[in-house]
N, C-alpha and C. Protein backbone atom coordinates (compact mmCIF):
# COMPACT_ATOMS: atom_id res chain seq x y z
N MET A 1 128.53 18.04 58.36
CA MET A 1 128.03 19.45 58.12
C MET A 1 127.79 20.11 59.54
N THR A 2 128.31 21.12 59.77
CA THR A 2 128.30 21.77 60.82
C THR A 2 127.34 22.94 60.74
N GLN A 3 126.47 23.14 61.75
CA GLN A 3 125.51 24.26 61.82
C GLN A 3 126.12 25.52 62.25
N VAL A 4 125.89 26.42 61.62
CA VAL A 4 126.75 27.59 62.37
C VAL A 4 125.72 28.75 62.88
N GLU A 5 125.82 29.00 63.99
CA GLU A 5 124.83 29.95 64.52
C GLU A 5 125.02 31.22 64.19
N LYS A 6 124.07 32.16 63.89
CA LYS A 6 124.27 33.37 63.50
C LYS A 6 124.27 34.19 64.75
N ALA A 7 125.17 35.24 64.92
CA ALA A 7 125.30 36.19 66.03
C ALA A 7 124.18 36.91 66.07
N PRO A 8 123.67 37.38 67.24
CA PRO A 8 122.59 38.35 67.37
C PRO A 8 122.84 39.73 66.66
N ILE A 9 121.82 40.33 66.19
CA ILE A 9 122.10 41.63 65.45
C ILE A 9 120.82 42.52 65.96
N ILE A 10 121.05 43.48 66.59
CA ILE A 10 120.03 44.47 67.06
C ILE A 10 119.88 45.63 65.97
N VAL A 11 118.56 45.89 65.48
CA VAL A 11 118.35 46.67 64.29
C VAL A 11 117.14 47.71 64.99
N VAL A 12 117.29 48.96 65.19
CA VAL A 12 116.34 49.86 65.76
C VAL A 12 116.23 51.16 64.81
N GLU A 13 115.19 51.57 64.62
CA GLU A 13 114.94 52.81 63.87
C GLU A 13 113.91 53.86 64.40
N THR A 14 113.98 55.18 64.02
CA THR A 14 112.89 55.91 64.15
C THR A 14 112.92 57.19 63.25
N VAL A 15 112.02 57.97 62.98
CA VAL A 15 112.00 59.06 62.45
C VAL A 15 111.92 60.27 63.08
N ILE A 16 112.96 61.35 62.85
CA ILE A 16 113.20 62.37 63.60
C ILE A 16 112.77 63.59 62.78
N ARG A 17 112.11 64.62 63.27
CA ARG A 17 111.85 65.73 62.68
C ARG A 17 113.03 66.66 62.83
N GLY A 18 113.76 66.79 61.60
CA GLY A 18 115.09 67.67 61.55
C GLY A 18 115.69 67.38 60.36
N THR A 19 116.80 67.82 60.15
CA THR A 19 117.63 67.89 58.98
C THR A 19 118.55 66.54 59.34
N MET A 20 119.29 66.10 57.97
CA MET A 20 120.22 65.06 58.20
C MET A 20 121.46 65.84 58.86
N GLU A 21 121.84 66.94 58.65
CA GLU A 21 123.07 67.62 59.21
C GLU A 21 122.73 67.79 60.80
N ARG A 22 121.80 68.13 61.17
CA ARG A 22 121.27 68.21 62.67
C ARG A 22 121.50 66.87 63.38
N VAL A 23 120.77 66.01 62.85
CA VAL A 23 120.78 64.46 63.43
C VAL A 23 122.30 64.06 63.45
N PHE A 24 122.85 64.02 62.46
CA PHE A 24 124.38 63.72 62.30
C PHE A 24 125.18 64.30 63.27
N ARG A 25 125.08 65.61 63.40
CA ARG A 25 125.88 66.51 64.47
C ARG A 25 125.53 65.83 65.79
N THR A 26 124.24 65.57 66.24
CA THR A 26 123.63 65.11 67.56
C THR A 26 124.42 63.68 67.80
N LEU A 27 124.90 62.95 66.87
CA LEU A 27 125.53 61.78 66.89
C LEU A 27 127.17 61.83 67.06
N THR A 28 127.57 63.09 66.71
CA THR A 28 128.89 63.01 66.48
C THR A 28 129.74 64.18 67.28
N SER A 29 128.85 65.02 67.84
CA SER A 29 129.48 66.23 68.80
C SER A 29 129.44 65.80 70.23
N ALA A 30 130.64 65.76 70.74
CA ALA A 30 130.94 65.42 72.22
C ALA A 30 129.87 66.15 73.13
N GLU A 31 130.01 67.48 72.77
CA GLU A 31 129.03 68.27 73.63
C GLU A 31 127.55 67.96 73.57
N GLU A 32 127.14 67.63 72.43
CA GLU A 32 125.78 67.24 72.09
C GLU A 32 125.55 65.77 72.76
N LEU A 33 126.35 64.95 72.53
CA LEU A 33 126.26 63.64 73.08
C LEU A 33 126.04 63.74 74.78
N ALA A 34 126.82 64.64 75.19
CA ALA A 34 126.80 64.74 76.66
C ALA A 34 125.30 65.26 77.38
N GLN A 35 124.78 65.96 76.31
CA GLN A 35 123.29 66.63 76.59
C GLN A 35 122.41 65.56 76.61
N TRP A 36 122.37 64.74 75.57
CA TRP A 36 121.30 63.95 75.49
C TRP A 36 121.52 62.57 75.87
N TRP A 37 122.73 62.04 75.91
CA TRP A 37 122.98 60.49 76.27
C TRP A 37 123.48 60.59 77.47
N ASP A 38 122.81 61.29 78.65
CA ASP A 38 123.29 60.96 79.85
C ASP A 38 122.59 59.98 80.55
N GLY A 39 123.09 59.36 81.43
CA GLY A 39 122.51 58.36 82.42
C GLY A 39 121.44 58.92 83.14
N ASP A 40 120.98 58.50 84.27
CA ASP A 40 120.23 59.12 85.27
C ASP A 40 121.11 59.12 86.57
N GLU A 41 120.48 59.62 87.74
CA GLU A 41 121.28 59.96 88.96
C GLU A 41 121.76 58.57 89.23
N ARG A 42 121.37 57.43 88.87
CA ARG A 42 122.06 56.03 89.41
C ARG A 42 123.16 55.83 88.56
N TYR A 43 123.30 56.23 87.24
CA TYR A 43 124.29 55.89 86.26
C TYR A 43 124.78 57.00 85.53
N PRO A 44 125.47 58.07 86.08
CA PRO A 44 125.68 59.39 85.67
C PRO A 44 126.84 59.23 84.33
N ASN A 45 126.68 60.17 83.39
CA ASN A 45 127.54 60.31 82.43
C ASN A 45 128.60 61.55 82.93
N LEU A 46 129.73 61.25 82.99
CA LEU A 46 130.81 61.91 83.35
C LEU A 46 131.53 62.77 82.36
N SER A 47 131.93 62.34 81.13
CA SER A 47 132.50 62.94 80.06
C SER A 47 132.23 62.32 78.74
N TRP A 48 132.42 62.93 77.57
CA TRP A 48 132.42 62.33 76.29
C TRP A 48 133.76 63.10 75.54
N ALA A 49 134.35 62.40 74.67
CA ALA A 49 135.21 62.89 73.73
C ALA A 49 135.03 62.11 72.28
N VAL A 50 135.12 62.90 71.29
CA VAL A 50 135.00 62.40 70.02
C VAL A 50 135.87 63.04 69.16
N ASP A 51 136.82 62.35 68.35
CA ASP A 51 137.46 62.69 67.13
C ASP A 51 136.81 62.24 65.84
N ASP A 52 135.93 63.15 65.39
CA ASP A 52 134.96 62.77 64.39
C ASP A 52 135.46 62.65 63.03
N ARG A 53 136.04 61.62 62.79
CA ARG A 53 136.80 61.55 61.59
C ARG A 53 136.93 59.90 61.47
N ALA A 54 137.00 59.34 60.22
CA ALA A 54 137.49 57.90 60.10
C ALA A 54 138.78 57.81 60.91
N GLY A 55 138.92 56.56 61.58
CA GLY A 55 140.16 56.54 62.33
C GLY A 55 140.23 57.04 63.56
N GLY A 56 139.25 58.20 63.98
CA GLY A 56 139.50 58.86 65.11
C GLY A 56 138.97 57.82 66.28
N GLU A 57 139.00 58.45 67.50
CA GLU A 57 138.41 57.47 68.70
C GLU A 57 137.28 58.25 69.45
N TRP A 58 136.59 57.77 69.99
CA TRP A 58 135.35 58.29 70.83
C TRP A 58 135.41 57.51 72.15
N LEU A 59 135.16 58.21 73.23
CA LEU A 59 135.21 57.81 74.65
C LEU A 59 134.11 58.49 75.35
N SER A 60 133.48 57.74 76.20
CA SER A 60 132.61 58.31 77.25
C SER A 60 132.87 57.59 78.60
N ARG A 61 132.73 58.27 79.74
CA ARG A 61 132.98 57.79 81.00
C ARG A 61 131.76 57.90 81.92
N TRP A 62 131.34 56.82 82.66
CA TRP A 62 130.35 57.00 83.34
C TRP A 62 130.56 56.13 84.91
N ARG A 63 129.66 56.53 85.63
CA ARG A 63 129.96 55.90 87.05
C ARG A 63 128.68 54.76 87.21
N ASN A 64 129.26 53.63 87.45
CA ASN A 64 128.19 52.39 87.48
C ASN A 64 127.47 52.27 88.92
N LEU A 65 126.58 51.64 88.98
CA LEU A 65 125.52 51.50 89.95
C LEU A 65 126.62 51.15 91.56
N GLU A 66 127.69 50.78 91.37
CA GLU A 66 128.76 50.52 92.43
C GLU A 66 129.52 51.63 92.71
N GLY A 67 129.40 52.52 91.88
CA GLY A 67 130.23 53.84 92.10
C GLY A 67 131.60 53.94 91.64
N ARG A 68 131.72 53.01 90.57
CA ARG A 68 133.18 52.75 89.84
C ARG A 68 132.88 53.43 88.41
N GLU A 69 134.00 54.23 88.14
CA GLU A 69 134.04 54.78 86.81
C GLU A 69 134.30 53.63 85.75
N VAL A 70 133.37 53.71 84.66
CA VAL A 70 133.63 52.74 83.69
C VAL A 70 133.53 53.58 82.26
N ASN A 71 134.32 52.98 81.10
CA ASN A 71 134.58 53.48 80.02
C ASN A 71 133.54 52.71 78.73
N LEU A 72 133.04 53.66 77.91
CA LEU A 72 132.40 53.03 76.75
C LEU A 72 133.10 54.04 75.49
N GLY A 73 133.58 53.08 74.81
CA GLY A 73 134.19 53.82 73.47
C GLY A 73 134.77 52.92 72.46
N GLY A 74 135.56 53.50 71.67
CA GLY A 74 136.02 52.82 70.53
C GLY A 74 136.46 53.66 69.43
N ARG A 75 136.73 53.00 68.20
CA ARG A 75 137.14 53.94 67.07
C ARG A 75 135.87 54.14 66.15
N ILE A 76 136.03 55.04 65.29
CA ILE A 76 135.35 55.46 64.04
C ILE A 76 135.72 54.81 62.94
N LEU A 77 135.11 53.80 62.49
CA LEU A 77 135.71 52.88 61.27
C LEU A 77 135.43 53.48 60.24
N GLU A 78 134.24 54.15 59.88
CA GLU A 78 133.67 54.71 58.64
C GLU A 78 133.05 56.10 59.08
N PHE A 79 133.21 57.07 58.28
CA PHE A 79 132.81 58.43 58.59
C PHE A 79 132.27 58.94 57.27
N GLU A 80 130.99 59.12 57.17
CA GLU A 80 130.30 59.76 55.83
C GLU A 80 129.27 60.54 56.01
N PRO A 81 129.58 62.01 56.35
CA PRO A 81 128.58 62.91 56.91
C PRO A 81 127.69 63.07 55.72
N PRO A 82 126.65 63.58 55.91
CA PRO A 82 125.70 63.39 57.08
C PRO A 82 124.84 62.17 57.16
N ARG A 83 125.55 61.03 56.22
CA ARG A 83 124.54 59.75 56.08
C ARG A 83 124.90 58.50 56.90
N ARG A 84 126.28 58.38 57.21
CA ARG A 84 126.55 57.08 57.98
C ARG A 84 127.87 57.22 58.77
N MET A 85 127.89 56.51 59.83
CA MET A 85 129.01 56.46 60.39
C MET A 85 128.85 54.94 61.15
N VAL A 86 130.12 54.47 61.32
CA VAL A 86 130.35 53.08 61.89
C VAL A 86 131.44 53.25 63.05
N TRP A 87 130.96 52.84 64.26
CA TRP A 87 132.02 52.79 65.53
C TRP A 87 132.28 51.34 65.62
N SER A 88 133.34 51.02 66.38
CA SER A 88 133.69 49.92 67.12
C SER A 88 133.04 50.37 68.38
N TRP A 89 132.76 49.31 69.23
CA TRP A 89 132.13 49.62 70.67
C TRP A 89 132.62 48.70 71.43
N PHE A 90 133.28 49.18 72.53
CA PHE A 90 133.78 48.40 73.83
C PHE A 90 133.35 49.08 74.94
N PHE A 91 132.72 48.32 75.99
CA PHE A 91 132.21 48.65 77.07
C PHE A 91 132.83 47.96 78.37
N ASP A 92 133.47 48.57 79.21
CA ASP A 92 134.44 47.70 80.09
C ASP A 92 133.55 47.19 81.21
N GLU A 93 132.22 47.26 81.22
CA GLU A 93 131.19 46.61 82.20
C GLU A 93 131.08 45.31 81.72
N PHE A 94 131.49 44.89 80.34
CA PHE A 94 131.49 43.66 79.95
C PHE A 94 133.08 43.38 79.44
N PRO A 95 133.90 43.40 80.18
CA PRO A 95 135.21 43.23 79.63
C PRO A 95 135.72 41.99 78.77
N ASP A 96 134.98 40.99 79.08
CA ASP A 96 135.30 39.64 78.32
C ASP A 96 134.61 39.47 77.01
N ALA A 97 133.72 40.57 76.65
CA ALA A 97 133.12 40.62 75.38
C ALA A 97 133.79 41.18 74.31
N GLY A 98 134.95 41.85 74.37
CA GLY A 98 135.46 42.53 73.30
C GLY A 98 134.91 43.63 72.73
N GLU A 99 135.19 43.82 71.51
CA GLU A 99 134.42 44.97 70.81
C GLU A 99 133.21 44.33 69.78
N SER A 100 132.40 45.19 69.71
CA SER A 100 131.26 44.96 68.72
C SER A 100 131.35 46.19 67.65
N ARG A 101 130.09 46.16 66.95
CA ARG A 101 130.18 47.17 65.81
C ARG A 101 128.73 47.99 65.75
N VAL A 102 128.77 49.10 65.87
CA VAL A 102 127.37 49.89 65.74
C VAL A 102 127.46 50.78 64.53
N GLU A 103 126.47 50.78 63.67
CA GLU A 103 126.39 51.62 62.47
C GLU A 103 125.11 52.50 62.55
N TYR A 104 125.41 53.88 62.17
CA TYR A 104 124.23 54.66 62.33
C TYR A 104 124.04 55.06 60.71
N LEU A 105 122.74 55.00 60.26
CA LEU A 105 122.54 55.11 58.95
C LEU A 105 121.38 56.09 58.94
N LEU A 106 121.52 57.28 58.32
CA LEU A 106 120.47 58.38 58.12
C LEU A 106 119.93 58.46 56.80
N GLU A 107 118.80 58.48 56.52
CA GLU A 107 118.28 58.87 55.15
C GLU A 107 116.93 59.97 55.13
N GLU A 108 116.77 60.74 54.27
CA GLU A 108 115.72 61.47 54.38
C GLU A 108 114.33 60.66 54.34
N ALA A 109 113.51 61.30 55.17
CA ALA A 109 112.17 60.55 55.08
C ALA A 109 110.95 61.71 55.31
N GLY A 110 110.40 61.88 54.00
CA GLY A 110 109.54 63.11 54.24
C GLY A 110 110.06 64.54 54.74
N GLU A 111 109.41 64.95 55.84
CA GLU A 111 109.92 66.11 56.70
C GLU A 111 110.85 65.81 57.61
N GLY A 112 111.44 64.56 57.74
CA GLY A 112 112.40 64.37 58.77
C GLY A 112 113.45 63.42 58.30
N VAL A 113 114.12 62.59 59.36
CA VAL A 113 115.33 61.86 58.95
C VAL A 113 114.91 60.25 59.58
N ARG A 114 115.17 59.37 58.73
CA ARG A 114 115.10 57.87 59.41
C ARG A 114 116.50 57.74 59.77
N LEU A 115 116.53 57.36 61.09
CA LEU A 115 117.78 57.03 61.96
C LEU A 115 117.80 55.58 62.24
N GLN A 116 118.61 54.84 61.50
CA GLN A 116 118.52 53.41 61.81
C GLN A 116 119.93 53.04 62.58
N VAL A 117 119.90 52.28 63.66
CA VAL A 117 121.15 51.72 64.28
C VAL A 117 121.28 50.29 64.34
N THR A 118 122.14 49.95 63.88
CA THR A 118 122.39 48.44 63.89
C THR A 118 123.79 48.00 64.43
N HIS A 119 123.67 47.19 65.72
CA HIS A 119 124.48 46.82 66.58
C HIS A 119 124.83 45.20 66.37
N THR A 120 126.06 44.98 66.00
CA THR A 120 126.49 43.58 65.67
C THR A 120 127.76 43.23 66.31
N GLY A 121 128.08 41.83 65.90
CA GLY A 121 129.49 41.53 66.42
C GLY A 121 129.38 41.08 68.11
N PHE A 122 128.27 40.43 68.38
CA PHE A 122 128.15 40.04 69.82
C PHE A 122 128.64 38.63 69.84
N LYS A 123 129.49 38.42 70.73
CA LYS A 123 129.97 36.97 70.98
C LYS A 123 129.06 36.24 72.13
N SER A 124 129.05 34.79 71.90
CA SER A 124 128.19 33.97 72.69
C SER A 124 128.42 34.38 74.21
N THR A 125 129.48 34.85 74.67
CA THR A 125 129.71 35.37 75.92
C THR A 125 129.07 36.58 76.26
N ARG A 126 128.42 37.28 75.42
CA ARG A 126 127.78 38.55 75.53
C ARG A 126 126.42 38.54 75.84
N GLU A 127 125.70 37.41 76.13
CA GLU A 127 124.21 37.40 76.21
C GLU A 127 123.78 38.52 77.15
N ALA A 128 124.47 38.68 78.44
CA ALA A 128 123.78 39.79 79.19
C ALA A 128 123.97 41.27 78.44
N ALA A 129 124.91 41.44 77.71
CA ALA A 129 125.21 42.59 77.21
C ALA A 129 124.19 42.75 76.04
N TYR A 130 124.07 41.58 75.16
CA TYR A 130 123.23 41.77 74.23
C TYR A 130 121.76 42.22 74.64
N GLU A 131 121.22 41.61 75.69
CA GLU A 131 119.89 41.70 76.34
C GLU A 131 119.94 43.26 76.88
N ASP A 132 120.86 43.84 77.42
CA ASP A 132 120.80 45.11 77.81
C ASP A 132 120.82 46.06 76.82
N TYR A 133 121.56 45.81 75.60
CA TYR A 133 121.75 46.80 74.33
C TYR A 133 120.30 46.53 73.87
N SER A 134 119.79 45.45 73.65
CA SER A 134 118.34 45.34 73.03
C SER A 134 117.38 46.47 73.54
N LYS A 135 117.40 46.39 74.84
CA LYS A 135 116.50 47.42 75.56
C LYS A 135 116.98 48.98 75.48
N GLY A 136 118.35 49.06 75.61
CA GLY A 136 118.83 50.31 75.66
C GLY A 136 118.92 51.03 74.38
N TRP A 137 118.97 50.45 73.38
CA TRP A 137 118.97 51.20 71.97
C TRP A 137 117.50 51.86 71.72
N TYR A 138 116.55 51.24 72.36
CA TYR A 138 115.23 52.05 72.33
C TYR A 138 115.31 53.22 72.88
N ASP A 139 115.65 53.32 74.14
CA ASP A 139 115.81 54.44 75.07
C ASP A 139 116.89 55.60 74.41
N VAL A 140 117.86 54.89 73.82
CA VAL A 140 118.79 55.88 73.00
C VAL A 140 118.19 56.85 71.78
N LEU A 141 117.48 56.17 71.05
CA LEU A 141 116.70 56.61 69.94
C LEU A 141 115.68 57.55 70.36
N GLY A 142 114.82 57.28 71.45
CA GLY A 142 114.09 58.24 72.01
C GLY A 142 114.68 59.69 72.64
N ARG A 143 115.87 59.38 73.22
CA ARG A 143 116.61 60.59 73.58
C ARG A 143 117.00 61.33 72.54
N ILE A 144 117.55 60.88 71.46
CA ILE A 144 118.01 61.64 70.42
C ILE A 144 116.80 62.35 69.66
N GLN A 145 115.70 61.49 69.68
CA GLN A 145 114.70 62.20 68.93
C GLN A 145 114.18 63.44 69.85
N ARG A 146 113.97 63.26 71.24
CA ARG A 146 113.61 64.38 72.04
C ARG A 146 114.66 65.50 71.96
N HIS A 147 115.86 65.24 71.85
CA HIS A 147 116.90 66.34 71.85
C HIS A 147 116.87 67.27 70.48
N VAL A 148 116.78 66.49 69.52
CA VAL A 148 116.68 67.12 68.25
C VAL A 148 115.45 67.85 68.02
N GLU A 149 114.19 67.27 68.52
CA GLU A 149 112.95 67.89 68.11
C GLU A 149 112.76 68.93 69.29
N ALA A 150 113.42 69.15 70.36
CA ALA A 150 113.10 70.19 71.25
C ALA A 150 113.34 71.42 70.75
């Protein structure tokens, strides 16, 4: 009998004051993504493009700490406005890692929206990426919340 290790899964969530449509648009509009999902002066966001439909592609370009341009992108695997979207995820800072999967799930929660992000598909070679994303998704949710609630 062989023991199978389960791949790490990241699940983070928050409640945002706003409508389902507003939060979903914040996740799918290239213009809005560029406003809130910006790096800082050390890791600036250069551009965003999103073909917001199942089968569409998304791509963001960044400048890393060494000054090199890097890509973060993938395909939109499932698109169910305003409740759910699933992206494949590839970041060329971790080229040997391949693609992982990010699911955004929205549901009404009182006077706001519960946004849950689930990131799966990490390979054993992705330990550094997994640790980075574990911290990063909390920051991302905070940025979304501040953007929508402003």
